[in-house]
Amino acid sequence: RALSDTEIAEALDAAHIEMFNLRFQRSVGQLADPNRLRSLRHEHARLL
């Protein structure tokens, strides 16, 4: 809530990119921290 609208938009873009990378890593079996994907989904939902 302390962020501006543009900062929220940038954070959403960054979350989309990171979620894509984590899902890709999971599919090839290289995901180091599976909990990061779940916490990132929660953060994405908070931003939205």
ModelCIF file with pLDDT and N, C-alpha, C, O atoms, coordinates in Angstrom:
data_MODEL
#
_entry.id   MODEL 
#
_entity.id                         1 
_entity.type                       polymer 
_entity.pdbx_number_of_molecules   1 
#
_entity_poly.entity_id                      1 
_entity_poly.type                           'polypeptide(L)' 
_entity_poly.nstd_linkage                   no 
_entity_poly.nstd_monomer                   no 
_entity_poly.pdbx_seq_one_letter_code       RALSDTEIAEALDAAHIEMFNLRFQRSVGQLADPNRLRSLRHEHARLL 
_entity_poly.pdbx_seq_one_letter_code_can   RALSDTEIAEALDAAHIEMFNLRFQRSVGQLADPNRLRSLRHEHARLL 
_entity_poly.pdbx_strand_id                 A 
#
loop_
_entity_poly_seq.entity_id 
_entity_poly_seq.num 
_entity_poly_seq.mon_id 
_entity_poly_seq.hetero 
1 1  ARG n 
1 2  ALA n 
1 3  LEU n 
1 4  SER n 
1 5  ASP n 
1 6  THR n 
1 7  GLU n 
1 8  ILE n 
1 9  ALA n 
1 10 GLU n 
1 11 ALA n 
1 12 LEU n 
1 13 ASP n 
1 14 ALA n 
1 15 ALA n 
1 16 HIS n 
1 17 ILE n 
1 18 GLU n 
1 19 MET n 
1 20 PHE n 
1 21 ASN n 
1 22 LEU n 
1 23 ARG n 
1 24 PHE n 
1 25 GLN n 
1 26 ARG n 
1 27 SER n 
1 28 VAL n 
1 29 GLY n 
1 30 GLN n 
1 31 LEU n 
1 32 ALA n 
1 33 ASP n 
1 34 PRO n 
1 35 ASN n 
1 36 ARG n 
1 37 LEU n 
1 38 ARG n 
1 39 SER n 
1 40 LEU n 
1 41 ARG n 
1 42 HIS n 
1 43 GLU n 
1 44 HIS n 
1 45 ALA n 
1 46 ARG n 
1 47 LEU n 
1 48 LEU n 
#
_struct_asym.id          A 
_struct_asym.entity_id   1 
#
loop_
_ma_qa_metric.id 
_ma_qa_metric.mode 
_ma_qa_metric.name 
_ma_qa_metric.software_group_id 
_ma_qa_metric.type 
1 global pLDDT . pLDDT 
2 local  pLDDT . pLDDT 
#
_ma_qa_metric_global.metric_id      1 
_ma_qa_metric_global.metric_value   95.62 
_ma_qa_metric_global.model_id       1 
_ma_qa_metric_global.ordinal_id     1 
#
loop_
_ma_qa_metric_local.label_asym_id 
_ma_qa_metric_local.label_comp_id 
_ma_qa_metric_local.label_seq_id 
_ma_qa_metric_local.metric_id 
_ma_qa_metric_local.metric_value 
_ma_qa_metric_local.model_id 
_ma_qa_metric_local.ordinal_id 
A ARG 1  2 95.00 1 1  
A ALA 2  2 96.00 1 2  
A LEU 3  2 95.00 1 3  
A SER 4  2 96.00 1 4  
A ASP 5  2 95.00 1 5  
A THR 6  2 96.00 1 6  
A GLU 7  2 97.00 1 7  
A ILE 8  2 97.00 1 8  
A ALA 9  2 97.00 1 9  
A GLU 10 2 97.00 1 10 
A ALA 11 2 97.00 1 11 
A LEU 12 2 97.00 1 12 
A ASP 13 2 97.00 1 13 
A ALA 14 2 97.00 1 14 
A ALA 15 2 97.00 1 15 
A HIS 16 2 97.00 1 16 
A ILE 17 2 97.00 1 17 
A GLU 18 2 96.00 1 18 
A MET 19 2 96.00 1 19 
A PHE 20 2 96.00 1 20 
A ASN 21 2 96.00 1 21 
A LEU 22 2 96.00 1 22 
A ARG 23 2 95.00 1 23 
A PHE 24 2 95.00 1 24 
A GLN 25 2 95.00 1 25 
A ARG 26 2 95.00 1 26 
A SER 27 2 95.00 1 27 
A VAL 28 2 95.00 1 28 
A GLY 29 2 93.00 1 29 
A GLN 30 2 94.00 1 30 
A LEU 31 2 92.00 1 31 
A ALA 32 2 92.00 1 32 
A ASP 33 2 92.00 1 33 
A PRO 34 2 91.00 1 34 
A ASN 35 2 95.00 1 35 
A ARG 36 2 95.00 1 36 
A LEU 37 2 94.00 1 37 
A ARG 38 2 95.00 1 38 
A SER 39 2 96.00 1 39 
A LEU 40 2 96.00 1 40 
A ARG 41 2 96.00 1 41 
A HIS 42 2 97.00 1 42 
A GLU 43 2 97.00 1 43 
A HIS 44 2 97.00 1 44 
A ALA 45 2 97.00 1 45 
A ARG 46 2 97.00 1 46 
A LEU 47 2 97.00 1 47 
A LEU 48 2 97.00 1 48 
#
loop_
_atom_site.group_PDB 
_atom_site.id 
_atom_site.type_symbol 
_atom_site.label_atom_id 
_atom_site.label_alt_id 
_atom_site.label_comp_id 
_atom_site.label_asym_id 
_atom_site.label_entity_id 
_atom_site.label_seq_id 
_atom_site.pdbx_PDB_ins_code 
_atom_site.Cartn_x 
_atom_site.Cartn_y 
_atom_site.Cartn_z 
_atom_site.occupancy 
_atom_site.B_iso_or_equiv 
_atom_site.pdbx_formal_charge 
_atom_site.auth_seq_id 
_atom_site.auth_comp_id 
_atom_site.auth_asym_id 
_atom_site.auth_atom_id 
_atom_site.pdbx_PDB_model_num 
ATOM 1   N N  . ARG A 1 1  ? 0.818  -1.212  0.000   1.00 95.00 ? 1  ARG A N  1 
ATOM 2   C CA . ARG A 1 1  ? 0.000  0.000   0.000   1.00 95.00 ? 1  ARG A CA 1 
ATOM 3   C C  . ARG A 1 1  ? 0.854  1.266   0.000   1.00 95.00 ? 1  ARG A C  1 
ATOM 4   O O  . ARG A 1 1  ? 0.386  2.325   -0.417  1.00 95.00 ? 1  ARG A O  1 
ATOM 5   N N  . ALA A 1 2  ? 2.084  1.170   0.456   1.00 96.00 ? 2  ALA A N  1 
ATOM 6   C CA . ALA A 1 2  ? 2.981  2.327   0.463   1.00 96.00 ? 2  ALA A CA 1 
ATOM 7   C C  . ALA A 1 2  ? 3.564  2.603   -0.924  1.00 96.00 ? 2  ALA A C  1 
ATOM 8   O O  . ALA A 1 2  ? 4.147  3.664   -1.150  1.00 96.00 ? 2  ALA A O  1 
ATOM 9   N N  . LEU A 1 3  ? 3.412  1.663   -1.847  1.00 95.00 ? 3  LEU A N  1 
ATOM 10  C CA . LEU A 1 3  ? 3.957  1.819   -3.191  1.00 95.00 ? 3  LEU A CA 1 
ATOM 11  C C  . LEU A 1 3  ? 3.017  2.652   -4.058  1.00 95.00 ? 3  LEU A C  1 
ATOM 12  O O  . LEU A 1 3  ? 1.817  2.739   -3.797  1.00 95.00 ? 3  LEU A O  1 
ATOM 13  N N  . SER A 1 4  ? 3.582  3.255   -5.080  1.00 96.00 ? 4  SER A N  1 
ATOM 14  C CA . SER A 1 4  ? 2.765  3.986   -6.049  1.00 96.00 ? 4  SER A CA 1 
ATOM 15  C C  . SER A 1 4  ? 2.170  2.989   -7.047  1.00 96.00 ? 4  SER A C  1 
ATOM 16  O O  . SER A 1 4  ? 2.527  1.812   -7.053  1.00 96.00 ? 4  SER A O  1 
ATOM 17  N N  . ASP A 1 5  ? 1.263  3.478   -7.883  1.00 95.00 ? 5  ASP A N  1 
ATOM 18  C CA . ASP A 1 5  ? 0.632  2.610   -8.877  1.00 95.00 ? 5  ASP A CA 1 
ATOM 19  C C  . ASP A 1 5  ? 1.648  2.059   -9.873  1.00 95.00 ? 5  ASP A C  1 
ATOM 20  O O  . ASP A 1 5  ? 1.560  0.898   -10.272 1.00 95.00 ? 5  ASP A O  1 
ATOM 21  N N  . THR A 1 6  ? 2.600  2.876   -10.271 1.00 96.00 ? 6  THR A N  1 
ATOM 22  C CA . THR A 1 6  ? 3.608  2.404   -11.224 1.00 96.00 ? 6  THR A CA 1 
ATOM 23  C C  . THR A 1 6  ? 4.523  1.365   -10.581 1.00 96.00 ? 6  THR A C  1 
ATOM 24  O O  . THR A 1 6  ? 4.932  0.408   -11.238 1.00 96.00 ? 6  THR A O  1 
ATOM 25  N N  . GLU A 1 7  ? 4.842  1.547   -9.312  1.00 97.00 ? 7  GLU A N  1 
ATOM 26  C CA . GLU A 1 7  ? 5.681  0.562   -8.619  1.00 97.00 ? 7  GLU A CA 1 
ATOM 27  C C  . GLU A 1 7  ? 4.945  -0.770  -8.470  1.00 97.00 ? 7  GLU A C  1 
ATOM 28  O O  . GLU A 1 7  ? 5.561  -1.832  -8.556  1.00 97.00 ? 7  GLU A O  1 
ATOM 29  N N  . ILE A 1 8  ? 3.634  -0.716  -8.247  1.00 97.00 ? 8  ILE A N  1 
ATOM 30  C CA . ILE A 1 8  ? 2.845  -1.945  -8.168  1.00 97.00 ? 8  ILE A CA 1 
ATOM 31  C C  . ILE A 1 8  ? 2.836  -2.634  -9.523  1.00 97.00 ? 8  ILE A C  1 
ATOM 32  O O  . ILE A 1 8  ? 2.973  -3.855  -9.598  1.00 97.00 ? 8  ILE A O  1 
ATOM 33  N N  . ALA A 1 9  ? 2.679  -1.869  -10.589 1.00 97.00 ? 9  ALA A N  1 
ATOM 34  C CA . ALA A 1 9  ? 2.694  -2.444  -11.941 1.00 97.00 ? 9  ALA A CA 1 
ATOM 35  C C  . ALA A 1 9  ? 4.044  -3.096  -12.237 1.00 97.00 ? 9  ALA A C  1 
ATOM 36  O O  . ALA A 1 9  ? 4.098  -4.175  -12.827 1.00 97.00 ? 9  ALA A O  1 
ATOM 37  N N  . GLU A 1 10 ? 5.120  -2.449  -11.833 1.00 97.00 ? 10 GLU A N  1 
ATOM 38  C CA . GLU A 1 10 ? 6.453  -3.021  -12.037 1.00 97.00 ? 10 GLU A CA 1 
ATOM 39  C C  . GLU A 1 10 ? 6.631  -4.292  -11.215 1.00 97.00 ? 10 GLU A C  1 
ATOM 40  O O  . GLU A 1 10 ? 7.229  -5.258  -11.690 1.00 97.00 ? 10 GLU A O  1 
ATOM 41  N N  . ALA A 1 11 ? 6.119  -4.302  -9.989  1.00 97.00 ? 11 ALA A N  1 
ATOM 42  C CA . ALA A 1 11 ? 6.218  -5.490  -9.146  1.00 97.00 ? 11 ALA A CA 1 
ATOM 43  C C  . ALA A 1 11 ? 5.401  -6.637  -9.729  1.00 97.00 ? 11 ALA A C  1 
ATOM 44  O O  . ALA A 1 11 ? 5.816  -7.793  -9.647  1.00 97.00 ? 11 ALA A O  1 
ATOM 45  N N  . LEU A 1 12 ? 4.249  -6.333  -10.315 1.00 97.00 ? 12 LEU A N  1 
ATOM 46  C CA . LEU A 1 12 ? 3.448  -7.369  -10.971 1.00 97.00 ? 12 LEU A CA 1 
ATOM 47  C C  . LEU A 1 12 ? 4.189  -7.954  -12.170 1.00 97.00 ? 12 LEU A C  1 
ATOM 48  O O  . LEU A 1 12 ? 4.186  -9.169  -12.369 1.00 97.00 ? 12 LEU A O  1 
ATOM 49  N N  . ASP A 1 13 ? 4.820  -7.099  -12.966 1.00 97.00 ? 13 ASP A N  1 
ATOM 50  C CA . ASP A 1 13 ? 5.594  -7.586  -14.104 1.00 97.00 ? 13 ASP A CA 1 
ATOM 51  C C  . ASP A 1 13 ? 6.738  -8.485  -13.647 1.00 97.00 ? 13 ASP A C  1 
ATOM 52  O O  . ASP A 1 13 ? 6.984  -9.537  -14.236 1.00 97.00 ? 13 ASP A O  1 
ATOM 53  N N  . ALA A 1 14 ? 7.428  -8.066  -12.600 1.00 97.00 ? 14 ALA A N  1 
ATOM 54  C CA . ALA A 1 14 ? 8.538  -8.864  -12.079 1.00 97.00 ? 14 ALA A CA 1 
ATOM 55  C C  . ALA A 1 14 ? 8.040  -10.201 -11.539 1.00 97.00 ? 14 ALA A C  1 
ATOM 56  O O  . ALA A 1 14 ? 8.701  -11.226 -11.706 1.00 97.00 ? 14 ALA A O  1 
ATOM 57  N N  . ALA A 1 15 ? 6.879  -10.190 -10.893 1.00 97.00 ? 15 ALA A N  1 
ATOM 58  C CA . ALA A 1 15 ? 6.313  -11.427 -10.353 1.00 97.00 ? 15 ALA A CA 1 
ATOM 59  C C  . ALA A 1 15 ? 5.932  -12.377 -11.481 1.00 97.00 ? 15 ALA A C  1 
ATOM 60  O O  . ALA A 1 15 ? 6.145  -13.585 -11.371 1.00 97.00 ? 15 ALA A O  1 
ATOM 61  N N  . HIS A 1 16 ? 5.370  -11.844 -12.569 1.00 97.00 ? 16 HIS A N  1 
ATOM 62  C CA . HIS A 1 16 ? 5.017  -12.682 -13.718 1.00 97.00 ? 16 HIS A CA 1 
ATOM 63  C C  . HIS A 1 16 ? 6.256  -13.362 -14.283 1.00 97.00 ? 16 HIS A C  1 
ATOM 64  O O  . HIS A 1 16 ? 6.243  -14.560 -14.565 1.00 97.00 ? 16 HIS A O  1 
ATOM 65  N N  . ILE A 1 17 ? 7.304  -12.605 -14.442 1.00 97.00 ? 17 ILE A N  1 
ATOM 66  C CA . ILE A 1 17 ? 8.536  -13.157 -15.002 1.00 97.00 ? 17 ILE A CA 1 
ATOM 67  C C  . ILE A 1 17 ? 9.125  -14.219 -14.072 1.00 97.00 ? 17 ILE A C  1 
ATOM 68  O O  . ILE A 1 17 ? 9.535  -15.292 -14.516 1.00 97.00 ? 17 ILE A O  1 
ATOM 69  N N  . GLU A 1 18 ? 9.160  -13.902 -12.778 1.00 96.00 ? 18 GLU A N  1 
ATOM 70  C CA . GLU A 1 18 ? 9.730  -14.866 -11.835 1.00 96.00 ? 18 GLU A CA 1 
ATOM 71  C C  . GLU A 1 18 ? 8.883  -16.129 -11.741 1.00 96.00 ? 18 GLU A C  1 
ATOM 72  O O  . GLU A 1 18 ? 9.426  -17.228 -11.638 1.00 96.00 ? 18 GLU A O  1 
ATOM 73  N N  . MET A 1 19 ? 7.549  -15.986 -11.776 1.00 96.00 ? 19 MET A N  1 
ATOM 74  C CA . MET A 1 19 ? 6.690  -17.175 -11.741 1.00 96.00 ? 19 MET A CA 1 
ATOM 75  C C  . MET A 1 19 ? 6.910  -18.038 -12.977 1.00 96.00 ? 19 MET A C  1 
ATOM 76  O O  . MET A 1 19 ? 6.933  -19.265 -12.880 1.00 96.00 ? 19 MET A O  1 
ATOM 77  N N  . PHE A 1 20 ? 7.069  -17.414 -14.128 1.00 96.00 ? 20 PHE A N  1 
ATOM 78  C CA . PHE A 1 20 ? 7.356  -18.177 -15.342 1.00 96.00 ? 20 PHE A CA 1 
ATOM 79  C C  . PHE A 1 20 ? 8.641  -18.970 -15.182 1.00 96.00 ? 20 PHE A C  1 
ATOM 80  O O  . PHE A 1 20 ? 8.681  -20.162 -15.486 1.00 96.00 ? 20 PHE A O  1 
ATOM 81  N N  . ASN A 1 21 ? 9.694  -18.310 -14.704 1.00 96.00 ? 21 ASN A N  1 
ATOM 82  C CA . ASN A 1 21 ? 10.984 -18.982 -14.532 1.00 96.00 ? 21 ASN A CA 1 
ATOM 83  C C  . ASN A 1 21 ? 10.893 -20.114 -13.519 1.00 96.00 ? 21 ASN A C  1 
ATOM 84  O O  . ASN A 1 21 ? 11.473 -21.178 -13.732 1.00 96.00 ? 21 ASN A O  1 
ATOM 85  N N  . LEU A 1 22 ? 10.175 -19.901 -12.424 1.00 96.00 ? 22 LEU A N  1 
ATOM 86  C CA . LEU A 1 22 ? 10.047 -20.948 -11.414 1.00 96.00 ? 22 LEU A CA 1 
ATOM 87  C C  . LEU A 1 22 ? 9.233  -22.133 -11.928 1.00 96.00 ? 22 LEU A C  1 
ATOM 88  O O  . LEU A 1 22 ? 9.559  -23.286 -11.644 1.00 96.00 ? 22 LEU A O  1 
ATOM 89  N N  . ARG A 1 23 ? 8.182  -21.849 -12.679 1.00 95.00 ? 23 ARG A N  1 
ATOM 90  C CA . ARG A 1 23 ? 7.401  -22.955 -13.255 1.00 95.00 ? 23 ARG A CA 1 
ATOM 91  C C  . ARG A 1 23 ? 8.230  -23.743 -14.256 1.00 95.00 ? 23 ARG A C  1 
ATOM 92  O O  . ARG A 1 23 ? 8.127  -24.967 -14.331 1.00 95.00 ? 23 ARG A O  1 
ATOM 93  N N  . PHE A 1 24 ? 9.041  -23.047 -15.013 1.00 95.00 ? 24 PHE A N  1 
ATOM 94  C CA . PHE A 1 24 ? 9.914  -23.726 -15.968 1.00 95.00 ? 24 PHE A CA 1 
ATOM 95  C C  . PHE A 1 24 ? 10.926 -24.600 -15.224 1.00 95.00 ? 24 PHE A C  1 
ATOM 96  O O  . PHE A 1 24 ? 11.153 -25.749 -15.602 1.00 95.00 ? 24 PHE A O  1 
ATOM 97  N N  . GLN A 1 25 ? 11.530 -24.058 -14.173 1.00 95.00 ? 25 GLN A N  1 
ATOM 98  C CA . GLN A 1 25 ? 12.491 -24.832 -13.383 1.00 95.00 ? 25 GLN A CA 1 
ATOM 99  C C  . GLN A 1 25 ? 11.833 -26.062 -12.770 1.00 95.00 ? 25 GLN A C  1 
ATOM 100 O O  . GLN A 1 25 ? 12.433 -27.135 -12.710 1.00 95.00 ? 25 GLN A O  1 
ATOM 101 N N  . ARG A 1 26 ? 10.580 -25.893 -12.310 1.00 95.00 ? 26 ARG A N  1 
ATOM 102 C CA . ARG A 1 26 ? 9.863  -27.026 -11.720 1.00 95.00 ? 26 ARG A CA 1 
ATOM 103 C C  . ARG A 1 26 ? 9.629  -28.114 -12.761 1.00 95.00 ? 26 ARG A C  1 
ATOM 104 O O  . ARG A 1 26 ? 9.757  -29.300 -12.460 1.00 95.00 ? 26 ARG A O  1 
ATOM 105 N N  . SER A 1 27 ? 9.287  -27.714 -13.981 1.00 95.00 ? 27 SER A N  1 
ATOM 106 C CA . SER A 1 27 ? 8.978  -28.703 -15.010 1.00 95.00 ? 27 SER A CA 1 
ATOM 107 C C  . SER A 1 27 ? 10.199 -29.510 -15.435 1.00 95.00 ? 27 SER A C  1 
ATOM 108 O O  . SER A 1 27 ? 10.068 -30.668 -15.833 1.00 95.00 ? 27 SER A O  1 
ATOM 109 N N  . VAL A 1 28 ? 11.387 -28.908 -15.353 1.00 95.00 ? 28 VAL A N  1 
ATOM 110 C CA . VAL A 1 28 ? 12.597 -29.650 -15.723 1.00 95.00 ? 28 VAL A CA 1 
ATOM 111 C C  . VAL A 1 28 ? 13.287 -30.261 -14.505 1.00 95.00 ? 28 VAL A C  1 
ATOM 112 O O  . VAL A 1 28 ? 14.342 -30.882 -14.634 1.00 95.00 ? 28 VAL A O  1 
ATOM 113 N N  . GLY A 1 29 ? 12.697 -30.088 -13.331 1.00 93.00 ? 29 GLY A N  1 
ATOM 114 C CA . GLY A 1 29 ? 13.236 -30.717 -12.129 1.00 93.00 ? 29 GLY A CA 1 
ATOM 115 C C  . GLY A 1 29 ? 14.401 -29.990 -11.508 1.00 93.00 ? 29 GLY A C  1 
ATOM 116 O O  . GLY A 1 29 ? 15.199 -30.614 -10.809 1.00 93.00 ? 29 GLY A O  1 
ATOM 117 N N  . GLN A 1 30 ? 14.535 -28.698 -11.731 1.00 94.00 ? 30 GLN A N  1 
ATOM 118 C CA . GLN A 1 30 ? 15.658 -27.945 -11.186 1.00 94.00 ? 30 GLN A CA 1 
ATOM 119 C C  . GLN A 1 30 ? 15.233 -26.905 -10.155 1.00 94.00 ? 30 GLN A C  1 
ATOM 120 O O  . GLN A 1 30 ? 16.017 -26.020 -9.813  1.00 94.00 ? 30 GLN A O  1 
ATOM 121 N N  . LEU A 1 31 ? 14.022 -26.999 -9.665  1.00 92.00 ? 31 LEU A N  1 
ATOM 122 C CA . LEU A 1 31 ? 13.522 -26.011 -8.713  1.00 92.00 ? 31 LEU A CA 1 
ATOM 123 C C  . LEU A 1 31 ? 14.158 -26.252 -7.345  1.00 92.00 ? 31 LEU A C  1 
ATOM 124 O O  . LEU A 1 31 ? 13.953 -27.299 -6.730  1.00 92.00 ? 31 LEU A O  1 
ATOM 125 N N  . ALA A 1 32 ? 14.923 -25.282 -6.882  1.00 92.00 ? 32 ALA A N  1 
ATOM 126 C CA . ALA A 1 32 ? 15.650 -25.430 -5.624  1.00 92.00 ? 32 ALA A CA 1 
ATOM 127 C C  . ALA A 1 32 ? 14.743 -25.219 -4.415  1.00 92.00 ? 32 ALA A C  1 
ATOM 128 O O  . ALA A 1 32 ? 14.857 -25.939 -3.423  1.00 92.00 ? 32 ALA A O  1 
ATOM 129 N N  . ASP A 1 33 ? 13.843 -24.238 -4.490  1.00 92.00 ? 33 ASP A N  1 
ATOM 130 C CA . ASP A 1 33 ? 12.982 -23.911 -3.356  1.00 92.00 ? 33 ASP A CA 1 
ATOM 131 C C  . ASP A 1 33 ? 11.520 -23.945 -3.800  1.00 92.00 ? 33 ASP A C  1 
ATOM 132 O O  . ASP A 1 33 ? 11.015 -22.945 -4.310  1.00 92.00 ? 33 ASP A O  1 
ATOM 133 N N  . PRO A 1 34 ? 10.835 -25.065 -3.620  1.00 91.00 ? 34 PRO A N  1 
ATOM 134 C CA . PRO A 1 34 ? 9.446  -25.156 -4.073  1.00 91.00 ? 34 PRO A CA 1 
ATOM 135 C C  . PRO A 1 34 ? 8.501  -24.213 -3.322  1.00 91.00 ? 34 PRO A C  1 
ATOM 136 O O  . PRO A 1 34 ? 7.447  -23.851 -3.845  1.00 91.00 ? 34 PRO A O  1 
ATOM 137 N N  . ASN A 1 35 ? 8.861  -23.822 -2.127  1.00 95.00 ? 35 ASN A N  1 
ATOM 138 C CA . ASN A 1 35 ? 8.011  -22.908 -1.366  1.00 95.00 ? 35 ASN A CA 1 
ATOM 139 C C  . ASN A 1 35 ? 8.018  -21.502 -1.948  1.00 95.00 ? 35 ASN A C  1 
ATOM 140 O O  . ASN A 1 35 ? 7.085  -20.737 -1.706  1.00 95.00 ? 35 ASN A O  1 
ATOM 141 N N  . ARG A 1 36 ? 9.039  -21.148 -2.702  1.00 95.00 ? 36 ARG A N  1 
ATOM 142 C CA . ARG A 1 36 ? 9.117  -19.816 -3.299  1.00 95.00 ? 36 ARG A CA 1 
ATOM 143 C C  . ARG A 1 36 ? 7.989  -19.597 -4.306  1.00 95.00 ? 36 ARG A C  1 
ATOM 144 O O  . ARG A 1 36 ? 7.446  -18.497 -4.402  1.00 95.00 ? 36 ARG A O  1 
ATOM 145 N N  . LEU A 1 37 ? 7.639  -20.632 -5.047  1.00 94.00 ? 37 LEU A N  1 
ATOM 146 C CA . LEU A 1 37 ? 6.559  -20.511 -6.016  1.00 94.00 ? 37 LEU A CA 1 
ATOM 147 C C  . LEU A 1 37 ? 5.237  -20.205 -5.318  1.00 94.00 ? 37 LEU A C  1 
ATOM 148 O O  . LEU A 1 37 ? 4.465  -19.369 -5.787  1.00 94.00 ? 37 LEU A O  1 
ATOM 149 N N  . ARG A 1 38 ? 4.979  -20.867 -4.219  1.00 95.00 ? 38 ARG A N  1 
ATOM 150 C CA . ARG A 1 38 ? 3.743  -20.632 -3.473  1.00 95.00 ? 38 ARG A CA 1 
ATOM 151 C C  . ARG A 1 38 ? 3.723  -19.226 -2.874  1.00 95.00 ? 38 ARG A C  1 
ATOM 152 O O  . ARG A 1 38 ? 2.710  -18.533 -2.963  1.00 95.00 ? 38 ARG A O  1 
ATOM 153 N N  . SER A 1 39 ? 4.814  -18.807 -2.275  1.00 96.00 ? 39 SER A N  1 
ATOM 154 C CA . SER A 1 39 ? 4.846  -17.467 -1.686  1.00 96.00 ? 39 SER A CA 1 
ATOM 155 C C  . SER A 1 39 ? 4.753  -16.389 -2.756  1.00 96.00 ? 39 SER A C  1 
ATOM 156 O O  . SER A 1 39 ? 4.184  -15.325 -2.513  1.00 96.00 ? 39 SER A O  1 
ATOM 157 N N  . LEU A 1 40 ? 5.298  -16.648 -3.922  1.00 96.00 ? 40 LEU A N  1 
ATOM 158 C CA . LEU A 1 40 ? 5.211  -15.693 -5.021  1.00 96.00 ? 40 LEU A CA 1 
ATOM 159 C C  . LEU A 1 40 ? 3.773  -15.570 -5.531  1.00 96.00 ? 40 LEU A C  1 
ATOM 160 O O  . LEU A 1 40 ? 3.332  -14.476 -5.882  1.00 96.00 ? 40 LEU A O  1 
ATOM 161 N N  . ARG A 1 41 ? 3.048  -16.678 -5.572  1.00 96.00 ? 41 ARG A N  1 
ATOM 162 C CA . ARG A 1 41 ? 1.637  -16.621 -5.972  1.00 96.00 ? 41 ARG A CA 1 
ATOM 163 C C  . ARG A 1 41 ? 0.828  -15.796 -4.979  1.00 96.00 ? 41 ARG A C  1 
ATOM 164 O O  . ARG A 1 41 ? -0.056 -15.039 -5.378  1.00 96.00 ? 41 ARG A O  1 
ATOM 165 N N  . HIS A 1 42 ? 1.120  -15.935 -3.705  1.00 97.00 ? 42 HIS A N  1 
ATOM 166 C CA . HIS A 1 42 ? 0.429  -15.145 -2.682  1.00 97.00 ? 42 HIS A CA 1 
ATOM 167 C C  . HIS A 1 42 ? 0.757  -13.656 -2.827  1.00 97.00 ? 42 HIS A C  1 
ATOM 168 O O  . HIS A 1 42 ? -0.128 -12.806 -2.725  1.00 97.00 ? 42 HIS A O  1 
ATOM 169 N N  . GLU A 1 43 ? 2.015  -13.354 -3.062  1.00 97.00 ? 43 GLU A N  1 
ATOM 170 C CA . GLU A 1 43 ? 2.416  -11.961 -3.244  1.00 97.00 ? 43 GLU A CA 1 
ATOM 171 C C  . GLU A 1 43 ? 1.750  -11.363 -4.482  1.00 97.00 ? 43 GLU A C  1 
ATOM 172 O O  . GLU A 1 43 ? 1.306  -10.215 -4.460  1.00 97.00 ? 43 GLU A O  1 
ATOM 173 N N  . HIS A 1 44 ? 1.683  -12.137 -5.548  1.00 97.00 ? 44 HIS A N  1 
ATOM 174 C CA . HIS A 1 44 ? 1.032  -11.695 -6.771  1.00 97.00 ? 44 HIS A CA 1 
ATOM 175 C C  . HIS A 1 44 ? -0.445 -11.383 -6.497  1.00 97.00 ? 44 HIS A C  1 
ATOM 176 O O  . HIS A 1 44 ? -0.963 -10.368 -6.963  1.00 97.00 ? 44 HIS A O  1 
ATOM 177 N N  . ALA A 1 45 ? -1.109 -12.245 -5.753  1.00 97.00 ? 45 ALA A N  1 
ATOM 178 C CA . ALA A 1 45 ? -2.516 -12.017 -5.413  1.00 97.00 ? 45 ALA A CA 1 
ATOM 179 C C  . ALA A 1 45 ? -2.677 -10.760 -4.564  1.00 97.00 ? 45 ALA A C  1 
ATOM 180 O O  . ALA A 1 45 ? -3.630 -10.006 -4.758  1.00 97.00 ? 45 ALA A O  1 
ATOM 181 N N  . ARG A 1 46 ? -1.768 -10.525 -3.634  1.00 97.00 ? 46 ARG A N  1 
ATOM 182 C CA . ARG A 1 46 ? -1.829 -9.301  -2.823  1.00 97.00 ? 46 ARG A CA 1 
ATOM 183 C C  . ARG A 1 46 ? -1.694 -8.056  -3.695  1.00 97.00 ? 46 ARG A C  1 
ATOM 184 O O  . ARG A 1 46 ? -2.421 -7.079  -3.514  1.00 97.00 ? 46 ARG A O  1 
ATOM 185 N N  . LEU A 1 47 ? -0.767 -8.100  -4.633  1.00 97.00 ? 47 LEU A N  1 
ATOM 186 C CA . LEU A 1 47 ? -0.577 -6.965  -5.536  1.00 97.00 ? 47 LEU A CA 1 
ATOM 187 C C  . LEU A 1 47 ? -1.841 -6.691  -6.346  1.00 97.00 ? 47 LEU A C  1 
ATOM 188 O O  . LEU A 1 47 ? -2.260 -5.542  -6.485  1.00 97.00 ? 47 LEU A O  1 
ATOM 189 N N  . LEU A 1 48 ? -2.439 -7.740  -6.872  1.00 97.00 ? 48 LEU A N  1 
ATOM 190 C CA . LEU A 1 48 ? -3.665 -7.576  -7.652  1.00 97.00 ? 48 LEU A CA 1 
ATOM 191 C C  . LEU A 1 48 ? -4.814 -7.054  -6.790  1.00 97.00 ? 48 LEU A C  1 
ATOM 192 O O  . LEU A 1 48 ? -5.922 -6.858  -7.290  1.00 97.00 ? 48 LEU A O  1 
#
